[in-house]
C-alpha atoms as a PDB file:
ATOM      1  CA  MET A   1       6.288-101.011 -35.038  1.00  0.00           C
ATOM      2  CA  ALA A   2       3.097-101.497 -33.188  1.00  0.00           C
ATOM      3  CA  PRO A   3       0.209 -98.448 -33.636  1.00  0.00           C
ATOM      4  CA  ARG A   4      -0.048 -95.991 -31.072  1.00  0.00           C
ATOM      5  CA  GLU A   5      -2.741 -96.785 -28.318  1.00  0.00           C
ATOM      6  CA  PRO A   6      -5.521 -94.018 -28.070  1.00  0.00           C
ATOM      7  CA  LYS A   7      -5.156 -91.445 -24.806  1.00  0.00           C
ATOM      8  CA  LYS A   8      -7.188 -92.238 -22.041  1.00  0.00           C
ATOM      9  CA  LYS A   9      -9.609 -89.546 -20.704  1.00  0.00           C
ATOM     10  CA  GLY A  10      -9.592 -89.097 -16.910  1.00  0.00           C
ATOM     11  CA  ARG A  11      -7.092 -90.758 -14.997  1.00  0.00           C
ATOM     12  CA  GLY A  12      -3.869 -91.036 -16.027  1.00  0.00           C
ATOM     13  CA  GLY A  13      -4.063 -90.071 -19.980  1.00  0.00           C
ATOM     14  CA  GLY A  14      -5.720 -87.374 -21.682  1.00  0.00           C
ATOM     15  CA  ARG A  15      -5.379 -83.209 -20.579  1.00  0.00           C
ATOM     16  CA  PRO A  16      -6.465 -82.458 -16.906  1.00  0.00           C
ATOM     17  CA  SER A  17      -9.804 -81.002 -16.550  1.00  0.00           C
ATOM     18  CA  VAL A  18      -9.615 -77.173 -16.144  1.00  0.00           C
ATOM     19  CA  GLU A  19     -11.567 -77.696 -12.756  1.00  0.00           C
ATOM     20  CA  SER A  20      -8.694 -79.514 -11.727  1.00  0.00           C
ATOM     21  CA  TYR A  21      -6.642 -76.491 -12.792  1.00  0.00           C
ATOM     22  CA  VAL A  22      -9.099 -74.455 -10.707  1.00  0.00           C
ATOM     23  CA  GLN A  23      -8.971 -76.563  -7.699  1.00  0.00           C
ATOM     24  CA  ASN A  24      -4.716 -76.881  -7.810  1.00  0.00           C
ATOM     25  CA  LEU A  25      -4.258 -73.054  -8.260  1.00  0.00           C
ATOM     26  CA  LYS A  26      -6.375 -72.785  -5.342  1.00  0.00           C
ATOM     27  CA  ALA A  27      -4.819 -75.212  -3.257  1.00  0.00           C
ATOM     28  CA  PHE A  28      -1.505 -73.776  -4.361  1.00  0.00           C
ATOM     29  CA  GLY A  29      -2.188 -69.692  -3.131  1.00  0.00           C
ATOM     30  CA  GLY A  30      -3.506 -71.071   0.033  1.00  0.00           C
ATOM     31  CA  ALA A  31      -0.020 -73.013   0.630  1.00  0.00           C
ATOM     32  CA  LEU A  32       2.018 -70.010  -0.321  1.00  0.00           C
ATOM     33  CA  ASN A  33      -0.110 -67.322   1.709  1.00  0.00           C
ATOM     34  CA  GLU A  34       0.467 -69.797   4.981  1.00  0.00           C
ATOM     35  CA  ALA A  35       4.251 -70.041   4.023  1.00  0.00           C
ATOM     36  CA  VAL A  36       4.724 -66.810   3.884  1.00  0.00           C
ATOM     37  CA  LYS A  37       2.440 -66.028   6.752  1.00  0.00           C
ATOM     38  CA  GLN A  38       4.676 -68.315   8.838  1.00  0.00           C
ATOM     39  CA  HIS A  39       7.755 -66.989   7.664  1.00  0.00           C
ATOM     40  CA  THR A  40       7.269 -63.228   8.183  1.00  0.00           C
ATOM     41  CA  GLY A  41       4.584 -63.261  11.026  1.00  0.00           C
ATOM     42  CA  LYS A  42       1.984 -61.816   8.733  1.00  0.00           C
ATOM     43  CA  PRO A  43      -0.664 -62.663   5.907  1.00  0.00           C
ATOM     44  CA  ILE A  44       0.434 -60.857   2.971  1.00  0.00           C
ATOM     45  CA  SER A  45      -1.392 -57.743   1.736  1.00  0.00           C
ATOM     46  CA  ILE A  46      -3.274 -59.340  -1.621  1.00  0.00           C
ATOM     47  CA  HIS A  47      -4.367 -62.694  -0.770  1.00  0.00           C
ATOM     48  CA  ALA A  48      -2.287 -64.992  -3.449  1.00  0.00           C
ATOM     49  CA  SER A  49      -5.500 -67.422  -2.924  1.00  0.00           C
ATOM     50  CA  GLU A  50      -7.715 -64.702  -4.240  1.00  0.00           C
ATOM     51  CA  LEU A  51      -5.097 -63.934  -7.095  1.00  0.00           C
ATOM     52  CA  LEU A  52      -4.155 -67.271  -7.996  1.00  0.00           C
ATOM     53  CA  HIS A  53      -8.470 -68.060  -7.529  1.00  0.00           C
ATOM     54  CA  ASN A  54      -9.099 -65.074 -10.155  1.00  0.00           C
ATOM     55  CA  ILE A  55      -6.656 -66.416 -12.480  1.00  0.00           C
ATOM     56  CA  ALA A  56      -8.335 -69.326 -12.963  1.00  0.00           C
ATOM     57  CA  THR A  57     -11.433 -67.857 -12.991  1.00  0.00           C
ATOM     58  CA  GLY A  58     -10.278 -66.078 -15.429  1.00  0.00           C
ATOM     59  CA  LEU A  59      -8.794 -69.355 -17.544  1.00  0.00           C
ATOM     60  CA  LYS A  60     -12.429 -70.865 -16.784  1.00  0.00           C
ATOM     61  CA  ASP A  61     -13.968 -68.071 -18.383  1.00  0.00           C
ATOM     62  CA  LYS A  62     -12.150 -68.266 -21.020  1.00  0.00           C
ATOM     63  CA  ALA A  63     -11.988 -72.610 -21.832  1.00  0.00           C
ATOM     64  CA  GLU A  64     -16.325 -71.826 -21.487  1.00  0.00           C
ATOM     65  CA  GLY A  65     -16.128 -68.835 -23.782  1.00  0.00           C
ATOM     66  CA  ARG A  66     -16.955 -65.801 -21.643  1.00  0.00           C
ATOM     67  CA  LYS A  67     -15.275 -62.892 -22.119  1.00  0.00           C
ATOM     68  CA  PRO A  68     -13.123 -62.136 -19.330  1.00  0.00           C
ATOM     69  CA  GLY A  69     -13.729 -59.329 -17.230  1.00  0.00           C
ATOM     70  CA  VAL A  70     -15.530 -58.505 -13.696  1.00  0.00           C
ATOM     71  CA  ALA A  71     -18.116 -61.488 -13.205  1.00  0.00           C
ATOM     72  CA  VAL A  72     -21.745 -59.906 -11.962  1.00  0.00           C
ATOM     73  CA  HIS A  73     -24.176 -62.237 -11.509  1.00  0.00           C
ATOM     74  CA  ASP A  74     -27.099 -59.773  -9.646  1.00  0.00           C
ATOM     75  CA  PRO A  75     -26.286 -55.772 -10.983  1.00  0.00           C
ATOM     76  CA  PHE A  76     -29.031 -54.652  -9.299  1.00  0.00           C
ATOM     77  CA  GLN A  77     -27.903 -56.574  -5.960  1.00  0.00           C
ATOM     78  CA  VAL A  78     -24.083 -55.339  -5.985  1.00  0.00           C
ATOM     79  CA  LEU A  79     -25.934 -51.429  -6.148  1.00  0.00           C
ATOM     80  CA  GLY A  80     -28.744 -52.391  -3.769  1.00  0.00           C
ATOM     81  CA  VAL A  81     -31.147 -51.764  -5.564  1.00  0.00           C
ATOM     82  CA  THR A  82     -34.111 -52.941  -6.884  1.00  0.00           C
ATOM     83  CA  ARG A  83     -35.523 -53.324 -10.469  1.00  0.00           C
ATOM     84  CA  GLU A  84     -38.149 -51.169  -9.729  1.00  0.00           C
ATOM     85  CA  ASP A  85     -35.815 -47.954  -8.258  1.00  0.00           C
ATOM     86  CA  ASP A  86     -35.937 -45.531 -11.293  1.00  0.00           C
ATOM     87  CA  GLN A  87     -32.981 -43.747 -12.635  1.00  0.00           C
ATOM     88  CA  ASN A  88     -32.056 -41.372 -10.112  1.00  0.00           C
ATOM     89  CA  LYS A  89     -31.416 -43.739  -7.409  1.00  0.00           C
ATOM     90  CA  VAL A  90     -29.492 -46.185  -9.290  1.00  0.00           C
ATOM     91  CA  ARG A  91     -27.010 -43.451 -10.014  1.00  0.00           C
ATOM     92  CA  GLU A  92     -27.435 -42.217  -6.458  1.00  0.00           C
ATOM     93  CA  ALA A  93     -26.523 -45.895  -5.060  1.00  0.00           C
ATOM     94  CA  TYR A  94     -24.054 -45.800  -7.554  1.00  0.00           C
ATOM     95  CA  LEU A  95     -21.918 -42.775  -6.615  1.00  0.00           C
ATOM     96  CA  ALA A  96     -22.537 -44.238  -2.785  1.00  0.00           C
ATOM     97  CA  LEU A  97     -20.415 -46.627  -3.779  1.00  0.00           C
ATOM     98  CA  THR A  98     -17.874 -45.727  -6.523  1.00  0.00           C
ATOM     99  CA  LYS A  99     -16.865 -43.120  -3.384  1.00  0.00           C
ATOM    100  CA  LEU A 100     -16.629 -45.737  -1.342  1.00  0.00           C
ATOM    101  CA  TYR A 101     -14.058 -48.373  -3.035  1.00  0.00           C
ATOM    102  CA  HIS A 102     -12.841 -45.462  -5.122  1.00  0.00           C
ATOM    103  CA  GLU A 103      -8.811 -45.657  -4.246  1.00  0.00           C
ATOM    104  CA  ALA A 104      -9.212 -42.633  -2.581  1.00  0.00           C
ATOM    105  CA  GLY A 105     -12.196 -43.587  -1.011  1.00  0.00           C
ATOM    106  CA  PRO A 106     -12.259 -45.262   3.090  1.00  0.00           C
ATOM    107  CA  LEU A 107     -12.602 -48.069   2.026  1.00  0.00           C
ATOM    108  CA  ALA A 108      -9.804 -48.718  -1.027  1.00  0.00           C
ATOM    109  CA  ASN A 109     -11.124 -51.335  -2.690  1.00  0.00           C
ATOM    110  CA  GLU A 110     -10.001 -51.665  -6.380  1.00  0.00           C
ATOM    111  CA  ASP A 111     -11.481 -55.293  -7.115  1.00  0.00           C
ATOM    112  CA  LYS A 112     -15.452 -53.863  -5.784  1.00  0.00           C
ATOM    113  CA  TRP A 113     -14.979 -50.746  -7.633  1.00  0.00           C
ATOM    114  CA  ARG A 114     -14.780 -52.377 -10.793  1.00  0.00           C
ATOM    115  CA  GLU A 115     -17.806 -54.432 -10.221  1.00  0.00           C
ATOM    116  CA  ILE A 116     -19.814 -51.371  -9.057  1.00  0.00           C
ATOM    117  CA  ASN A 117     -19.199 -49.885 -12.425  1.00  0.00           C
ATOM    118  CA  VAL A 118     -19.380 -53.161 -14.221  1.00  0.00           C
ATOM    119  CA  ALA A 119     -23.743 -54.035 -12.439  1.00  0.00           C
ATOM    120  CA  TYR A 120     -23.729 -49.633 -13.131  1.00  0.00           C
ATOM    121  CA  GLN A 121     -23.224 -50.431 -16.885  1.00  0.00           C
ATOM    122  CA  LYS A 122     -24.858 -53.392 -16.532  1.00  0.00           C
ATOM    123  CA  ILE A 123     -28.516 -51.771 -15.574  1.00  0.00           C
ATOM    124  CA  CYS A 124     -28.472 -48.726 -17.652  1.00  0.00           C
ATOM    125  CA  ASP A 125     -27.786 -50.982 -21.061  1.00  0.00           C
ATOM    126  CA  LEU A 126     -30.867 -53.515 -20.007  1.00  0.00           C
ATOM    127  CA  LYS A 127     -33.197 -50.048 -18.796  1.00  0.00           C
ATOM    128  CA  GLY A 128     -31.506 -47.963 -22.098  1.00  0.00           C
ATOM    129  CA  TRP A 129     -30.419 -45.571 -20.216  1.00  0.00           C
ATOM    130  CA  LYS A 130     -27.348 -43.243 -20.976  1.00  0.00           C
ATOM    131  CA  LYS A 131     -24.531 -43.524 -18.948  1.00  0.00           C
END
């Protein structure tokens, strides 16, 4: 019996990269949205491409060793404040935004609401403030 040759990485062998999974999920989500739109005549309420993008991002984060959750790149930008603003101004911005994006608010968006909460927590941790 002949020894097996090692699998080649890249094209034709080995395990696909996380990036290829991400691209495939995004493409599938877009195609799924189009199919639903053509069949029903209207887009679905939660876009499958966004949902699959979030799943793909979670997979990529896990593969790169990051903790899953809401990714906040610049918490100050999310709240619309500067690094020099005091605790009262940051808290006012936080409260105003959470009222807007809360499920009972006029712009009800759970993902945005979570992002705002995570941003506020990060700022409080950075500045050493009590929440």
